Amino acid sequence: AALGKPGSNVPVIMPERLASTDAYTQVKEMVGSGPFRFLAG
């Protein structure tokens, strides 16, 4: 239930290189494994 909570904060899975960012620093590059890609451009 913890790893599937749909509310905030969401336990999303991102690449280790991004997940290694301190939790109190924003990740700006949106790379996930979900059904849609974010079009940053």
Full PDB file with SEQRES, HELIX, SHEET, SSBOND, CRYST1, ORIGX, SCALE, CONECT and MASTER records, all heavy atoms in Angstrom:
SEQRES   1 A   41  ALA ALA LEU GLY LYS PRO GLY SER ASN VAL PRO VAL ILE          
SEQRES   2 A   41  MET PRO GLU ARG LEU ALA SER THR ASP ALA TYR THR GLN          
SEQRES   3 A   41  VAL LYS GLU MET VAL GLY SER GLY PRO PHE ARG PHE LEU          
SEQRES   4 A   41  ALA GLY                                                      
HELIX    1 AA1 ALA A    2  GLY A    4  5                                   3    
HELIX    2 AA2 GLU A   16  ALA A   19  1                                   4    
CRYST1    1.000    1.000    1.000  90.00  90.00  90.00 P 1           1          
ORIGX1      1.000000  0.000000  0.000000        0.00000                         
ORIGX2      0.000000  1.000000  0.000000        0.00000                         
ORIGX3      0.000000  0.000000  1.000000        0.00000                         
SCALE1      1.000000  0.000000  0.000000        0.00000                         
SCALE2      0.000000  1.000000  0.000000        0.00000                         
SCALE3      0.000000  0.000000  1.000000        0.00000                         
ATOM      1  N   ALA A   1       0.830  -1.206   0.000  1.00  0.00           N  
ATOM      2  CA  ALA A   1       0.000   0.000   0.000  1.00  0.00           C  
ATOM      3  C   ALA A   1       0.862   1.252   0.000  1.00  0.00           C  
ATOM      4  O   ALA A   1       0.524   2.250  -0.647  1.00  0.00           O  
ATOM      5  CB  ALA A   1      -0.927  -0.002   1.209  1.00  0.00           C  
ATOM      6  N   ALA A   2       1.991   1.212   0.717  1.00  0.00           N  
ATOM      7  CA  ALA A   2       2.900   2.357   0.738  1.00  0.00           C  
ATOM      8  C   ALA A   2       3.482   2.607  -0.652  1.00  0.00           C  
ATOM      9  O   ALA A   2       3.535   3.745  -1.121  1.00  0.00           O  
ATOM     10  CB  ALA A   2       4.016   2.126   1.746  1.00  0.00           C  
ATOM     11  N   LEU A   3       3.924   1.550  -1.319  1.00  0.00           N  
ATOM     12  CA  LEU A   3       4.592   1.692  -2.613  1.00  0.00           C  
ATOM     13  C   LEU A   3       3.609   1.888  -3.764  1.00  0.00           C  
ATOM     14  O   LEU A   3       4.032   2.079  -4.908  1.00  0.00           O  
ATOM     15  CB  LEU A   3       5.468   0.461  -2.876  1.00  0.00           C  
ATOM     16  CG  LEU A   3       6.593   0.238  -1.853  1.00  0.00           C  
ATOM     17  CD1 LEU A   3       7.393  -1.007  -2.208  1.00  0.00           C  
ATOM     18  CD2 LEU A   3       7.507   1.451  -1.758  1.00  0.00           C  
ATOM     19  N   GLY A   4       2.298   1.868  -3.463  1.00  0.00           N  
ATOM     20  CA  GLY A   4       1.303   2.077  -4.500  1.00  0.00           C  
ATOM     21  C   GLY A   4       0.395   3.257  -4.240  1.00  0.00           C  
ATOM     22  O   GLY A   4      -0.595   3.431  -4.939  1.00  0.00           O  
ATOM     23  N   LYS A   5       0.717   4.098  -3.236  1.00  0.00           N  
ATOM     24  CA  LYS A   5      -0.192   5.187  -2.892  1.00  0.00           C  
ATOM     25  C   LYS A   5      -0.335   6.163  -4.060  1.00  0.00           C  
ATOM     26  O   LYS A   5       0.663   6.602  -4.642  1.00  0.00           O  
ATOM     27  CB  LYS A   5       0.251   5.903  -1.601  1.00  0.00           C  
ATOM     28  CG  LYS A   5       1.539   6.686  -1.696  1.00  0.00           C  
ATOM     29  CD  LYS A   5       1.960   7.265  -0.342  1.00  0.00           C  
ATOM     30  CE  LYS A   5       1.059   8.356   0.153  1.00  0.00           C  
ATOM     31  NZ  LYS A   5       1.394   9.671  -0.409  1.00  0.00           N  
ATOM     32  N   PRO A   6      -1.566   6.517  -4.431  1.00  0.00           N  
ATOM     33  CA  PRO A   6      -1.769   7.404  -5.576  1.00  0.00           C  
ATOM     34  C   PRO A   6      -1.802   8.874  -5.203  1.00  0.00           C  
ATOM     35  O   PRO A   6      -1.912   9.731  -6.071  1.00  0.00           O  
ATOM     36  CB  PRO A   6      -3.145   6.970  -6.098  1.00  0.00           C  
ATOM     37  CG  PRO A   6      -3.863   6.534  -4.863  1.00  0.00           C  
ATOM     38  CD  PRO A   6      -2.825   5.941  -3.939  1.00  0.00           C  
ATOM     39  N   GLY A   7      -1.739   9.171  -3.910  1.00  0.00           N  
ATOM     40  CA  GLY A   7      -1.778  10.560  -3.470  1.00  0.00           C  
ATOM     41  C   GLY A   7      -0.385  11.139  -3.371  1.00  0.00           C  
ATOM     42  O   GLY A   7       0.615  10.503  -3.672  1.00  0.00           O  
ATOM     43  N   SER A   8      -0.326  12.370  -2.939  1.00  0.00           N  
ATOM     44  CA  SER A   8       0.968  13.046  -2.805  1.00  0.00           C  
ATOM     45  C   SER A   8       1.592  12.676  -1.458  1.00  0.00           C  
ATOM     46  O   SER A   8       0.892  12.626  -0.448  1.00  0.00           O  
ATOM     47  CB  SER A   8       0.758  14.556  -2.865  1.00  0.00           C  
ATOM     48  OG  SER A   8       0.157  14.909  -4.105  1.00  0.00           O  
ATOM     49  N   ASN A   9       2.866  12.425  -1.428  1.00  0.00           N  
ATOM     50  CA  ASN A   9       3.820  12.361  -2.541  1.00  0.00           C  
ATOM     51  C   ASN A   9       3.728  10.983  -3.213  1.00  0.00           C  
ATOM     52  O   ASN A   9       3.576   9.980  -2.520  1.00  0.00           O  
ATOM     53  CB  ASN A   9       5.254  12.582  -2.051  1.00  0.00           C  
ATOM     54  CG  ASN A   9       5.426  13.867  -1.290  1.00  0.00           C  
ATOM     55  OD1 ASN A   9       5.235  13.897  -0.072  1.00  0.00           O  
ATOM     56  ND2 ASN A   9       5.776  14.929  -1.981  1.00  0.00           N  
ATOM     57  N   VAL A  10       3.885  10.940  -4.521  1.00  0.00           N  
ATOM     58  CA  VAL A  10       3.729   9.688  -5.259  1.00  0.00           C  
ATOM     59  C   VAL A  10       5.070   8.941  -5.278  1.00  0.00           C  
ATOM     60  O   VAL A  10       6.098   9.525  -5.608  1.00  0.00           O  
ATOM     61  CB  VAL A  10       3.283   9.960  -6.710  1.00  0.00           C  
ATOM     62  CG1 VAL A  10       2.910   8.664  -7.399  1.00  0.00           C  
ATOM     63  CG2 VAL A  10       2.107  10.919  -6.731  1.00  0.00           C  
ATOM     64  N   PRO A  11       5.065   7.630  -4.970  1.00  0.00           N  
ATOM     65  CA  PRO A  11       6.316   6.858  -4.981  1.00  0.00           C  
ATOM     66  C   PRO A  11       6.711   6.426  -6.388  1.00  0.00           C  
ATOM     67  O   PRO A  11       6.765   5.240  -6.716  1.00  0.00           O  
ATOM     68  CB  PRO A  11       5.986   5.665  -4.083  1.00  0.00           C  
ATOM     69  CG  PRO A  11       4.516   5.465  -4.250  1.00  0.00           C  
ATOM     70  CD  PRO A  11       3.930   6.836  -4.456  1.00  0.00           C  
ATOM     71  N   VAL A  12       6.988   7.397  -7.243  1.00  0.00           N  
ATOM     72  CA  VAL A  12       7.301   7.112  -8.647  1.00  0.00           C  
ATOM     73  C   VAL A  12       8.692   6.499  -8.762  1.00  0.00           C  
ATOM     74  O   VAL A  12       9.566   6.719  -7.924  1.00  0.00           O  
ATOM     75  CB  VAL A  12       7.223   8.386  -9.508  1.00  0.00           C  
ATOM     76  CG1 VAL A  12       5.837   8.983  -9.457  1.00  0.00           C  
ATOM     77  CG2 VAL A  12       8.263   9.422  -9.060  1.00  0.00           C  
ATOM     78  N   ILE A  13       8.857   5.736  -9.835  1.00  0.00           N  
ATOM     79  CA  ILE A  13      10.158   5.135 -10.119  1.00  0.00           C  
ATOM     80  C   ILE A  13      10.822   5.905 -11.254  1.00  0.00           C  
ATOM     81  O   ILE A  13      10.251   6.068 -12.335  1.00  0.00           O  
ATOM     82  CB  ILE A  13      10.007   3.645 -10.498  1.00  0.00           C  
ATOM     83  CG1 ILE A  13       9.336   2.873  -9.354  1.00  0.00           C  
ATOM     84  CG2 ILE A  13      11.368   3.048 -10.834  1.00  0.00           C  
ATOM     85  CD1 ILE A  13      10.048   2.946  -8.012  1.00  0.00           C  
ATOM     86  N   MET A  14      12.022   6.400 -10.979  1.00  0.00           N  
ATOM     87  CA  MET A  14      12.805   7.131 -11.979  1.00  0.00           C  
ATOM     88  C   MET A  14      14.203   6.524 -12.038  1.00  0.00           C  
ATOM     89  O   MET A  14      14.583   5.731 -11.169  1.00  0.00           O  
ATOM     90  CB  MET A  14      12.863   8.623 -11.635  1.00  0.00           C  
ATOM     91  CG  MET A  14      13.388   8.966 -10.267  1.00  0.00           C  
ATOM     92  SD  MET A  14      13.403  10.774  -9.917  1.00  0.00           S  
ATOM     93  CE  MET A  14      11.673  11.193  -9.992  1.00  0.00           C  
ATOM     94  N   PRO A  15      14.987   6.836 -13.051  1.00  0.00           N  
ATOM     95  CA  PRO A  15      16.342   6.281 -13.138  1.00  0.00           C  
ATOM     96  C   PRO A  15      17.180   6.633 -11.907  1.00  0.00           C  
ATOM     97  O   PRO A  15      17.012   7.702 -11.314  1.00  0.00           O  
ATOM     98  CB  PRO A  15      16.912   6.927 -14.399  1.00  0.00           C  
ATOM     99  CG  PRO A  15      15.728   7.313 -15.210  1.00  0.00           C  
ATOM    100  CD  PRO A  15      14.663   7.688 -14.215  1.00  0.00           C  
ATOM    101  N   GLU A  16      18.081   5.751 -11.559  1.00  0.00           N  
ATOM    102  CA  GLU A  16      18.929   5.956 -10.380  1.00  0.00           C  
ATOM    103  C   GLU A  16      19.679   7.281 -10.453  1.00  0.00           C  
ATOM    104  O   GLU A  16      19.838   7.973  -9.450  1.00  0.00           O  
ATOM    105  CB  GLU A  16      19.917   4.797 -10.245  1.00  0.00           C  
ATOM    106  CG  GLU A  16      20.817   4.882  -9.021  1.00  0.00           C  
ATOM    107  CD  GLU A  16      21.818   3.736  -8.965  1.00  0.00           C  
ATOM    108  OE1 GLU A  16      22.192   3.227 -10.051  1.00  0.00           O  
ATOM    109  OE2 GLU A  16      22.221   3.352  -7.852  1.00  0.00           O  
ATOM    110  N   ARG A  17      20.100   7.664 -11.657  1.00  0.00           N  
ATOM    111  CA  ARG A  17      20.875   8.904 -11.789  1.00  0.00           C  
ATOM    112  C   ARG A  17      20.040  10.125 -11.374  1.00  0.00           C  
ATOM    113  O   ARG A  17      20.588  11.118 -10.884  1.00  0.00           O  
ATOM    114  CB  ARG A  17      21.392   9.076 -13.221  1.00  0.00           C  
ATOM    115  CG  ARG A  17      20.301   9.211 -14.265  1.00  0.00           C  
ATOM    116  CD  ARG A  17      20.868   9.291 -15.681  1.00  0.00           C  
ATOM    117  NE  ARG A  17      19.820   9.372 -16.689  1.00  0.00           N  
ATOM    118  CZ  ARG A  17      19.211  10.484 -17.059  1.00  0.00           C  
ATOM    119  NH1 ARG A  17      19.563  11.645 -16.490  1.00  0.00           N  
ATOM    120  NH2 ARG A  17      18.266  10.469 -17.982  1.00  0.00           N  
ATOM    121  N   LEU A  18      18.715  10.061 -11.556  1.00  0.00           N  
ATOM    122  CA  LEU A  18      17.841  11.141 -11.123  1.00  0.00           C  
ATOM    123  C   LEU A  18      17.385  10.940  -9.687  1.00  0.00           C  
ATOM    124  O   LEU A  18      17.285  11.894  -8.908  1.00  0.00           O  
ATOM    125  CB  LEU A  18      16.622  11.244 -12.053  1.00  0.00           C  
ATOM    126  CG  LEU A  18      16.921  11.549 -13.521  1.00  0.00           C  
ATOM    127  CD1 LEU A  18      15.626  11.573 -14.331  1.00  0.00           C  
ATOM    128  CD2 LEU A  18      17.655  12.879 -13.657  1.00  0.00           C  
ATOM    129  N   ALA A  19      17.103   9.694  -9.324  1.00  0.00           N  
ATOM    130  CA  ALA A  19      16.641   9.398  -7.973  1.00  0.00           C  
ATOM    131  C   ALA A  19      17.730   9.642  -6.928  1.00  0.00           C  
ATOM    132  O   ALA A  19      17.425   9.757  -5.738  1.00  0.00           O  
ATOM    133  CB  ALA A  19      16.158   7.956  -7.888  1.00  0.00           C  
ATOM    134  N   SER A  20      18.973   9.743  -7.360  1.00  0.00           N  
ATOM    135  CA  SER A  20      20.069  10.044  -6.429  1.00  0.00           C  
ATOM    136  C   SER A  20      20.085  11.514  -6.026  1.00  0.00           C  
ATOM    137  O   SER A  20      20.825  11.904  -5.118  1.00  0.00           O  
ATOM    138  CB  SER A  20      21.412   9.665  -7.062  1.00  0.00           C  
ATOM    139  OG  SER A  20      21.466   8.272  -7.328  1.00  0.00           O  
ATOM    140  N   THR A  21      19.274  12.336  -6.687  1.00  0.00           N  
ATOM    141  CA  THR A  21      19.144  13.750  -6.315  1.00  0.00           C  
ATOM    142  C   THR A  21      18.568  13.857  -4.913  1.00  0.00           C  
ATOM    143  O   THR A  21      17.658  13.108  -4.543  1.00  0.00           O  
ATOM    144  CB  THR A  21      18.204  14.472  -7.302  1.00  0.00           C  
ATOM    145  OG1 THR A  21      18.689  14.281  -8.631  1.00  0.00           O  
ATOM    146  CG2 THR A  21      18.124  15.963  -6.996  1.00  0.00           C  
ATOM    147  N   ASP A  22      19.101  14.787  -4.124  1.00  0.00           N  
ATOM    148  CA  ASP A  22      18.577  14.984  -2.777  1.00  0.00           C  
ATOM    149  C   ASP A  22      17.073  15.242  -2.836  1.00  0.00           C  
ATOM    150  O   ASP A  22      16.583  15.941  -3.738  1.00  0.00           O  
ATOM    151  CB  ASP A  22      19.281  16.167  -2.101  1.00  0.00           C  
ATOM    152  CG  ASP A  22      18.803  16.379  -0.682  1.00  0.00           C  
ATOM    153  OD1 ASP A  22      19.265  15.657   0.221  1.00  0.00           O  
ATOM    154  OD2 ASP A  22      17.945  17.262  -0.482  1.00  0.00           O  
ATOM    155  N   ALA A  23      16.346  14.683  -1.881  1.00  0.00           N  
ATOM    156  CA  ALA A  23      14.888  14.795  -1.880  1.00  0.00           C  
ATOM    157  C   ALA A  23      14.415  16.229  -1.723  1.00  0.00           C  
ATOM    158  O   ALA A  23      13.261  16.546  -2.053  1.00  0.00           O  
ATOM    159  CB  ALA A  23      14.299  13.932  -0.767  1.00  0.00           C  
ATOM    160  N   TYR A  24      15.270  17.115  -1.235  1.00  0.00           N  
ATOM    161  CA  TYR A  24      14.896  18.515  -1.046  1.00  0.00           C  
ATOM    162  C   TYR A  24      15.430  19.405  -2.176  1.00  0.00           C  
ATOM    163  O   TYR A  24      15.410  20.620  -2.076  1.00  0.00           O  
ATOM    164  CB  TYR A  24      15.370  19.006   0.324  1.00  0.00           C  
ATOM    165  CG  TYR A  24      14.574  18.353   1.436  1.00  0.00           C  
ATOM    166  CD1 TYR A  24      14.975  17.138   1.980  1.00  0.00           C  
ATOM    167  CD2 TYR A  24      13.396  18.917   1.897  1.00  0.00           C  
ATOM    168  CE1 TYR A  24      14.224  16.510   2.971  1.00  0.00           C  
ATOM    169  CE2 TYR A  24      12.644  18.302   2.882  1.00  0.00           C  
ATOM    170  CZ  TYR A  24      13.064  17.100   3.421  1.00  0.00           C  
ATOM    171  OH  TYR A  24      12.317  16.476   4.396  1.00  0.00           O  
ATOM    172  N   THR A  25      15.895  18.766  -3.248  1.00  0.00           N  
ATOM    173  CA  THR A  25      16.301  19.461  -4.463  1.00  0.00           C  
ATOM    174  C   THR A  25      15.427  18.957  -5.609  1.00  0.00           C  
ATOM    175  O   THR A  25      15.221  17.748  -5.746  1.00  0.00           O  
ATOM    176  CB  THR A  25      17.782  19.188  -4.786  1.00  0.00           C  
ATOM    177  OG1 THR A  25      18.590  19.624  -3.695  1.00  0.00           O  
ATOM    178  CG2 THR A  25      18.201  19.897  -6.058  1.00  0.00           C  
ATOM    179  N   GLN A  26      14.905  19.855  -6.417  1.00  0.00           N  
ATOM    180  CA  GLN A  26      14.002  19.449  -7.491  1.00  0.00           C  
ATOM    181  C   GLN A  26      14.727  18.704  -8.597  1.00  0.00           C  
ATOM    182  O   GLN A  26      15.803  19.117  -9.040  1.00  0.00           O  
ATOM    183  CB  GLN A  26      13.320  20.672  -8.101  1.00  0.00           C  
ATOM    184  CG  GLN A  26      12.306  21.342  -7.227  1.00  0.00           C  
ATOM    185  CD  GLN A  26      11.596  22.465  -7.959  1.00  0.00           C  
ATOM    186  OE1 GLN A  26      11.157  22.303  -9.103  1.00  0.00           O  
ATOM    187  NE2 GLN A  26      11.472  23.616  -7.316  1.00  0.00           N  
ATOM    188  N   VAL A  27      14.116  17.618  -9.051  1.00  0.00           N  
ATOM    189  CA  VAL A  27      14.533  16.955 -10.280  1.00  0.00           C  
ATOM    190  C   VAL A  27      13.863  17.687 -11.434  1.00  0.00           C  
ATOM    191  O   VAL A  27      12.639  17.845 -11.452  1.00  0.00           O  
ATOM    192  CB  VAL A  27      14.136  15.463 -10.274  1.00  0.00           C  
ATOM    193  CG1 VAL A  27      14.305  14.854 -11.656  1.00  0.00           C  
ATOM    194  CG2 VAL A  27      14.963  14.699  -9.253  1.00  0.00           C  
ATOM    195  N   LYS A  28      14.634  18.145 -12.378  1.00  0.00           N  
ATOM    196  CA  LYS A  28      14.091  18.921 -13.493  1.00  0.00           C  
ATOM    197  C   LYS A  28      13.909  18.072 -14.757  1.00  0.00           C  
ATOM    198  O   LYS A  28      13.059  18.387 -15.599  1.00  0.00           O  
ATOM    199  CB  LYS A  28      15.007  20.104 -13.808  1.00  0.00           C  
ATOM    200  CG  LYS A  28      15.181  21.094 -12.648  1.00  0.00           C  
ATOM    201  CD  LYS A  28      13.880  21.786 -12.299  1.00  0.00           C  
ATOM    202  CE  LYS A  28      14.037  22.799 -11.180  1.00  0.00           C  
ATOM    203  NZ  LYS A  28      14.809  23.985 -11.559  1.00  0.00           N  
ATOM    204  N   GLU A  29      14.696  17.002 -14.903  1.00  0.00           N  
ATOM    205  CA  GLU A  29      14.607  16.153 -16.090  1.00  0.00           C  
ATOM    206  C   GLU A  29      13.557  15.074 -15.833  1.00  0.00           C  
ATOM    207  O   GLU A  29      13.675  14.289 -14.896  1.00  0.00           O  
ATOM    208  CB  GLU A  29      15.961  15.506 -16.389  1.00  0.00           C  
ATOM    209  CG  GLU A  29      15.976  14.683 -17.664  1.00  0.00           C  
ATOM    210  CD  GLU A  29      17.314  13.991 -17.894  1.00  0.00           C  
ATOM    211  OE1 GLU A  29      18.248  14.222 -17.102  1.00  0.00           O  
ATOM    212  OE2 GLU A  29      17.401  13.199 -18.848  1.00  0.00           O  
ATOM    213  N   MET A  30      12.521  15.054 -16.656  1.00  0.00           N  
ATOM    214  CA  MET A  30      11.410  14.133 -16.439  1.00  0.00           C  
ATOM    215  C   MET A  30      11.599  12.875 -17.290  1.00  0.00           C  
ATOM    216  O   MET A  30      11.218  12.832 -18.470  1.00  0.00           O  
ATOM    217  CB  MET A  30      10.083  14.815 -16.798  1.00  0.00           C  
ATOM    218  CG  MET A  30       9.688  15.948 -15.867  1.00  0.00           C  
ATOM    219  SD  MET A  30       9.255  15.357 -14.203  1.00  0.00           S  
ATOM    220  CE  MET A  30      10.743  15.826 -13.300  1.00  0.00           C  
ATOM    221  N   VAL A  31      12.212  11.863 -16.716  1.00  0.00           N  
ATOM    222  CA  VAL A  31      12.388  10.572 -17.382  1.00  0.00           C  
ATOM    223  C   VAL A  31      11.752   9.506 -16.497  1.00  0.00           C  
ATOM    224  O   VAL A  31      12.229   9.236 -15.397  1.00  0.00           O  
ATOM    225  CB  VAL A  31      13.876  10.243 -17.618  1.00  0.00           C  
ATOM    226  CG1 VAL A  31      14.008   8.857 -18.243  1.00  0.00           C  
ATOM    227  CG2 VAL A  31      14.520  11.286 -18.501  1.00  0.00           C  
ATOM    228  N   GLY A  32      10.672   8.925 -16.988  1.00  0.00           N  
ATOM    229  CA  GLY A  32      10.017   7.855 -16.254  1.00  0.00           C  
ATOM    230  C   GLY A  32       9.911   6.622 -17.111  1.00  0.00           C  
ATOM    231  O   GLY A  32      10.565   6.503 -18.152  1.00  0.00           O  
ATOM    232  N   SER A  33       9.067   5.684 -16.689  1.00  0.00           N  
ATOM    233  CA  SER A  33       8.799   4.487 -17.491  1.00  0.00           C  
ATOM    234  C   SER A  33       7.305   4.337 -17.718  1.00  0.00           C  
ATOM    235  O   SER A  33       6.822   3.257 -18.028  1.00  0.00           O  
ATOM    236  CB  SER A  33       9.342   3.244 -16.776  1.00  0.00           C  
ATOM    237  OG  SER A  33       8.674   3.055 -15.527  1.00  0.00           O  
ATOM    238  N   GLY A  34       6.562   5.445 -17.548  1.00  0.00           N  
ATOM    239  CA  GLY A  34       5.119   5.418 -17.670  1.00  0.00           C  
ATOM    240  C   GLY A  34       4.644   5.442 -19.112  1.00  0.00           C  
ATOM    241  O   GLY A  34       5.445   5.460 -20.054  1.00  0.00           O  
ATOM    242  N   PRO A  35       3.339   5.484 -19.317  1.00  0.00           N  
ATOM    243  CA  PRO A  35       2.777   5.350 -20.666  1.00  0.00           C  
ATOM    244  C   PRO A  35       2.971   6.560 -21.574  1.00  0.00           C  
ATOM    245  O   PRO A  35       2.782   6.458 -22.781  1.00  0.00           O  
ATOM    246  CB  PRO A  35       1.291   5.106 -20.403  1.00  0.00           C  
ATOM    247  CG  PRO A  35       1.049   5.657 -19.036  1.00  0.00           C  
ATOM    248  CD  PRO A  35       2.312   5.467 -18.270  1.00  0.00           C  
ATOM    249  N   PHE A  36       3.380   7.711 -21.009  1.00  0.00           N  
ATOM    250  CA  PHE A  36       3.596   8.904 -21.828  1.00  0.00           C  
ATOM    251  C   PHE A  36       4.942   9.544 -21.501  1.00  0.00           C  
ATOM    252  O   PHE A  36       5.375   9.539 -20.347  1.00  0.00           O  
ATOM    253  CB  PHE A  36       2.477   9.931 -21.602  1.00  0.00           C  
ATOM    254  CG  PHE A  36       1.147   9.524 -22.172  1.00  0.00           C  
ATOM    255  CD1 PHE A  36       0.244   8.817 -21.396  1.00  0.00           C  
ATOM    256  CD2 PHE A  36       0.813   9.829 -23.486  1.00  0.00           C  
ATOM    257  CE1 PHE A  36      -0.988   8.429 -21.910  1.00  0.00           C  
ATOM    258  CE2 PHE A  36      -0.411   9.453 -24.009  1.00  0.00           C  
ATOM    259  CZ  PHE A  36      -1.320   8.742 -23.226  1.00  0.00           C  
ATOM    260  N   ARG A  37       5.581  10.104 -22.532  1.00  0.00           N  
ATOM    261  CA  ARG A  37       6.820  10.863 -22.370  1.00  0.00           C  
ATOM    262  C   ARG A  37       6.498  12.346 -22.235  1.00  0.00           C  
ATOM    263  O   ARG A  37       5.647  12.871 -22.966  1.00  0.00           O  
ATOM    264  CB  ARG A  37       7.744  10.667 -23.577  1.00  0.00           C  
ATOM    265  CG  ARG A  37       8.258   9.265 -23.788  1.00  0.00           C  
ATOM    266  CD  ARG A  37       9.200   9.190 -25.001  1.00  0.00           C  
ATOM    267  NE  ARG A  37       8.508   9.472 -26.259  1.00  0.00           N  
ATOM    268  CZ  ARG A  37       8.641  10.567 -26.978  1.00  0.00           C  
ATOM    269  NH1 ARG A  37       9.443  11.554 -26.567  1.00  0.00           N  
ATOM    270  NH2 ARG A  37       7.985  10.720 -28.126  1.00  0.00           N  
ATOM    271  N   PHE A  38       7.189  13.015 -21.336  1.00  0.00           N  
ATOM    272  CA  PHE A  38       7.041  14.465 -21.208  1.00  0.00           C  
ATOM    273  C   PHE A  38       7.860  15.138 -22.294  1.00  0.00           C  
ATOM    274  O   PHE A  38       9.049  14.834 -22.486  1.00  0.00           O  
ATOM    275  CB  PHE A  38       7.521  14.916 -19.825  1.00  0.00           C  
ATOM    276  CG  PHE A  38       7.454  16.403 -19.627  1.00  0.00           C  
ATOM    277  CD1 PHE A  38       6.235  17.065 -19.633  1.00  0.00           C  
ATOM    278  CD2 PHE A  38       8.613  17.150 -19.427  1.00  0.00           C  
ATOM    279  CE1 PHE A  38       6.165  18.446 -19.448  1.00  0.00           C  
ATOM    280  CE2 PHE A  38       8.558  18.518 -19.241  1.00  0.00           C  
ATOM    281  CZ  PHE A  38       7.323  19.164 -19.251  1.00  0.00           C  
ATOM    282  N   LEU A  39       7.235  16.061 -23.031  1.00  0.00           N  
ATOM    283  CA  LEU A  39       7.904  16.768 -24.124  1.00  0.00           C  
ATOM    284  C   LEU A  39       8.427  18.098 -23.595  1.00  0.00           C  
ATOM    285  O   LEU A  39       7.757  19.129 -23.671  1.00  0.00           O  
ATOM    286  CB  LEU A  39       6.929  16.965 -25.290  1.00  0.00           C  
ATOM    287  CG  LEU A  39       6.327  15.671 -25.865  1.00  0.00           C  
ATOM    288  CD1 LEU A  39       5.328  15.976 -26.983  1.00  0.00           C  
ATOM    289  CD2 LEU A  39       7.420  14.732 -26.364  1.00  0.00           C  
ATOM    290  N   ALA A  40       9.635  18.044 -23.044  1.00  0.00           N  
ATOM    291  CA  ALA A  40      10.201  19.230 -22.397  1.00  0.00           C  
ATOM    292  C   ALA A  40      10.339  20.387 -23.371  1.00  0.00           C  
ATOM    293  O   ALA A  40      10.176  21.554 -22.992  1.00  0.00           O  
ATOM    294  CB  ALA A  40      11.556  18.878 -21.783  1.00  0.00           C  
ATOM    295  N   GLY A  41      10.642  20.102 -24.644  1.00  0.00           N  
ATOM    296  CA  GLY A  41      10.833  21.156 -25.629  1.00  0.00           C  
ATOM    297  C   GLY A  41       9.558  21.912 -25.962  1.00  0.00           C  
ATOM    298  O   GLY A  41       9.621  23.020 -26.504  1.00  0.00           O  
TER     299      GLY A  41                                                      
MASTER        0    0    0    2    0    0    0    6  298    1    0    4          
END                                                                             
